[in-house]
């Protein structure tokens, strides 16, 4: 289980200081939560794990029924397909909405 691996958590924490955007998909939010990166922020995860994220990390405002949560530098998404939507959102943030829409069309993904 990655959440118990100190070297993984340390690597994520180190990378968080060197990136413009740190994104997690599905239960990846637990890794960010474990090192305190989501404290006093909103976040989401897979619907089956919402309650556990709320219970285990009470400093996080856990959002339900939403594909992704943008907290500026940190973006979390719900399940795997929500991660696709989050990724296209990140493309729109970095470039623009038109490029994100063109990317979605190329993927045959309805944005």
C-alpha atoms as a PDB file:
ATOM      1  CA  UNK A   1       0.000   0.000   0.000  1.00  0.00           C
ATOM      2  CA  UNK A   2       1.624   3.238  -1.185  1.00  0.00           C
ATOM      3  CA  UNK A   3       0.277   5.318   1.711  1.00  0.00           C
ATOM      4  CA  UNK A   4       2.556   3.404   4.098  1.00  0.00           C
ATOM      5  CA  UNK A   5       5.700   3.935   2.021  1.00  0.00           C
ATOM      6  CA  UNK A   6       7.637   6.849   3.494  1.00  0.00           C
ATOM      7  CA  UNK A   7       9.808   7.171   0.380  1.00  0.00           C
ATOM      8  CA  UNK A   8       6.712   7.585  -1.830  1.00  0.00           C
ATOM      9  CA  UNK A   9       5.194  10.188   0.480  1.00  0.00           C
ATOM     10  CA  UNK A  10       8.506  12.016   0.725  1.00  0.00           C
ATOM     11  CA  UNK A  11       8.854  12.050  -3.071  1.00  0.00           C
ATOM     12  CA  UNK A  12       5.338  13.457  -3.533  1.00  0.00           C
ATOM     13  CA  UNK A  13       5.978  16.098  -0.880  1.00  0.00           C
ATOM     14  CA  UNK A  14       9.272  17.099  -2.541  1.00  0.00           C
ATOM     15  CA  UNK A  15       7.660  17.247  -6.001  1.00  0.00           C
ATOM     16  CA  UNK A  16       4.790  19.364  -4.668  1.00  0.00           C
ATOM     17  CA  UNK A  17       7.275  22.150  -4.013  1.00  0.00           C
ATOM     18  CA  UNK A  18       8.570  22.062  -7.607  1.00  0.00           C
ATOM     19  CA  UNK A  19       5.420  21.886  -9.736  1.00  0.00           C
ATOM     20  CA  UNK A  20       2.830  24.394 -10.878  1.00  0.00           C
ATOM     21  CA  UNK A  21      -0.004  21.873 -10.679  1.00  0.00           C
ATOM     22  CA  UNK A  22      -0.205  18.751  -8.532  1.00  0.00           C
ATOM     23  CA  UNK A  23      -3.098  16.495  -9.541  1.00  0.00           C
ATOM     24  CA  UNK A  24      -4.450  13.288  -8.084  1.00  0.00           C
ATOM     25  CA  UNK A  25      -6.925  10.825  -9.510  1.00  0.00           C
ATOM     26  CA  UNK A  26      -9.293   8.740  -7.414  1.00  0.00           C
ATOM     27  CA  UNK A  27      -7.781   7.571  -4.120  1.00  0.00           C
ATOM     28  CA  UNK A  28      -4.533   9.393  -4.886  1.00  0.00           C
ATOM     29  CA  UNK A  29      -6.098  12.084  -2.688  1.00  0.00           C
ATOM     30  CA  UNK A  30      -5.220   9.908   0.317  1.00  0.00           C
ATOM     31  CA  UNK A  31      -1.518  10.246  -0.482  1.00  0.00           C
ATOM     32  CA  UNK A  32      -1.819  14.025  -0.612  1.00  0.00           C
ATOM     33  CA  UNK A  33      -3.903  14.003   2.552  1.00  0.00           C
ATOM     34  CA  UNK A  34      -1.426  11.830   4.434  1.00  0.00           C
ATOM     35  CA  UNK A  35       1.334  14.413   4.018  1.00  0.00           C
ATOM     36  CA  UNK A  36      -0.960  17.325   4.837  1.00  0.00           C
ATOM     37  CA  UNK A  37      -1.153  18.851   1.375  1.00  0.00           C
ATOM     38  CA  UNK A  38      -4.963  18.925   1.513  1.00  0.00           C
ATOM     39  CA  UNK A  39      -5.297  20.355   5.021  1.00  0.00           C
ATOM     40  CA  UNK A  40      -7.734  23.300   5.064  1.00  0.00           C
ATOM     41  CA  UNK A  41      -8.579  22.699   1.400  1.00  0.00           C
ATOM     42  CA  UNK A  42     -11.431  21.123  -0.529  1.00  0.00           C
ATOM     43  CA  UNK A  43     -10.844  17.822  -2.306  1.00  0.00           C
ATOM     44  CA  UNK A  44     -12.637  14.837  -3.755  1.00  0.00           C
ATOM     45  CA  UNK A  45     -12.008  11.149  -4.345  1.00  0.00           C
ATOM     46  CA  UNK A  46     -13.856   8.086  -5.619  1.00  0.00           C
ATOM     47  CA  UNK A  47     -17.405   7.962  -4.272  1.00  0.00           C
ATOM     48  CA  UNK A  48     -16.740   4.711  -2.425  1.00  0.00           C
ATOM     49  CA  UNK A  49     -13.977   6.429  -0.413  1.00  0.00           C
ATOM     50  CA  UNK A  50     -15.581   9.808   0.342  1.00  0.00           C
ATOM     51  CA  UNK A  51     -16.618   8.846   3.880  1.00  0.00           C
ATOM     52  CA  UNK A  52     -13.186   7.407   4.722  1.00  0.00           C
ATOM     53  CA  UNK A  53     -11.409  10.539   3.458  1.00  0.00           C
ATOM     54  CA  UNK A  54     -13.738  12.686   5.585  1.00  0.00           C
ATOM     55  CA  UNK A  55     -13.264  10.519   8.665  1.00  0.00           C
ATOM     56  CA  UNK A  56      -9.515   9.964   8.423  1.00  0.00           C
ATOM     57  CA  UNK A  57      -8.637  13.556   7.451  1.00  0.00           C
ATOM     58  CA  UNK A  58     -11.059  15.947   9.161  1.00  0.00           C
ATOM     59  CA  UNK A  59      -9.087  19.050   8.096  1.00  0.00           C
ATOM     60  CA  UNK A  60     -10.171  18.461   4.486  1.00  0.00           C
ATOM     61  CA  UNK A  61     -13.493  19.707   3.143  1.00  0.00           C
ATOM     62  CA  UNK A  62     -14.420  16.614   1.135  1.00  0.00           C
ATOM     63  CA  UNK A  63     -16.760  17.257  -1.787  1.00  0.00           C
ATOM     64  CA  UNK A  64     -19.217  14.677  -3.118  1.00  0.00           C
ATOM     65  CA  UNK A  65     -20.889  14.327  -6.510  1.00  0.00           C
ATOM     66  CA  UNK A  66     -18.278  16.384  -8.298  1.00  0.00           C
ATOM     67  CA  UNK A  67     -15.766  15.293 -10.939  1.00  0.00           C
ATOM     68  CA  UNK A  68     -12.827  17.362  -9.708  1.00  0.00           C
ATOM     69  CA  UNK A  69     -11.892  20.095  -7.248  1.00  0.00           C
ATOM     70  CA  UNK A  70      -9.493  22.886  -8.187  1.00  0.00           C
ATOM     71  CA  UNK A  71      -7.632  24.376  -5.232  1.00  0.00           C
ATOM     72  CA  UNK A  72      -5.187  26.337  -7.356  1.00  0.00           C
ATOM     73  CA  UNK A  73      -1.972  24.379  -7.255  1.00  0.00           C
ATOM     74  CA  UNK A  74      -3.683  21.134  -6.191  1.00  0.00           C
ATOM     75  CA  UNK A  75      -6.464  19.490  -8.161  1.00  0.00           C
ATOM     76  CA  UNK A  76      -8.144  16.253  -7.082  1.00  0.00           C
ATOM     77  CA  UNK A  77     -10.579  14.138  -9.072  1.00  0.00           C
ATOM     78  CA  UNK A  78     -13.082  11.434  -8.291  1.00  0.00           C
ATOM     79  CA  UNK A  79     -12.759   8.092 -10.114  1.00  0.00           C
ATOM     80  CA  UNK A  80     -10.746   7.221 -13.202  1.00  0.00           C
ATOM     81  CA  UNK A  81     -13.149   8.678 -15.778  1.00  0.00           C
ATOM     82  CA  UNK A  82     -13.346  11.844 -13.699  1.00  0.00           C
ATOM     83  CA  UNK A  83      -9.569  11.948 -14.006  1.00  0.00           C
ATOM     84  CA  UNK A  84      -9.972  12.274 -17.776  1.00  0.00           C
ATOM     85  CA  UNK A  85     -12.258  15.251 -17.257  1.00  0.00           C
ATOM     86  CA  UNK A  86      -9.804  16.751 -14.771  1.00  0.00           C
ATOM     87  CA  UNK A  87      -6.961  16.260 -17.247  1.00  0.00           C
ATOM     88  CA  UNK A  88      -8.871  18.115 -19.955  1.00  0.00           C
ATOM     89  CA  UNK A  89      -9.605  20.869 -17.449  1.00  0.00           C
ATOM     90  CA  UNK A  90      -5.875  21.122 -16.739  1.00  0.00           C
ATOM     91  CA  UNK A  91      -5.216  21.392 -20.489  1.00  0.00           C
ATOM     92  CA  UNK A  92      -7.678  24.291 -20.605  1.00  0.00           C
ATOM     93  CA  UNK A  93      -5.955  25.941 -17.642  1.00  0.00           C
ATOM     94  CA  UNK A  94      -2.484  25.608 -19.127  1.00  0.00           C
ATOM     95  CA  UNK A  95      -3.434  26.400 -22.718  1.00  0.00           C
ATOM     96  CA  UNK A  96      -7.069  27.312 -23.344  1.00  0.00           C
ATOM     97  CA  UNK A  97     -10.561  25.876 -23.610  1.00  0.00           C
ATOM     98  CA  UNK A  98     -10.350  25.496 -27.398  1.00  0.00           C
ATOM     99  CA  UNK A  99      -7.310  23.223 -27.160  1.00  0.00           C
ATOM    100  CA  UNK A 100      -9.005  21.185 -24.420  1.00  0.00           C
ATOM    101  CA  UNK A 101     -12.100  20.801 -26.614  1.00  0.00           C
ATOM    102  CA  UNK A 102      -9.962  19.774 -29.609  1.00  0.00           C
ATOM    103  CA  UNK A 103      -8.132  17.253 -27.440  1.00  0.00           C
ATOM    104  CA  UNK A 104     -11.428  15.821 -26.186  1.00  0.00           C
ATOM    105  CA  UNK A 105     -12.716  15.546 -29.751  1.00  0.00           C
ATOM    106  CA  UNK A 106      -9.538  13.760 -30.862  1.00  0.00           C
ATOM    107  CA  UNK A 107     -10.076  11.300 -27.993  1.00  0.00           C
ATOM    108  CA  UNK A 108     -13.750  10.947 -28.906  1.00  0.00           C
ATOM    109  CA  UNK A 109     -14.573  12.151 -25.406  1.00  0.00           C
ATOM    110  CA  UNK A 110     -17.697  14.257 -24.819  1.00  0.00           C
ATOM    111  CA  UNK A 111     -16.511  17.157 -22.727  1.00  0.00           C
END
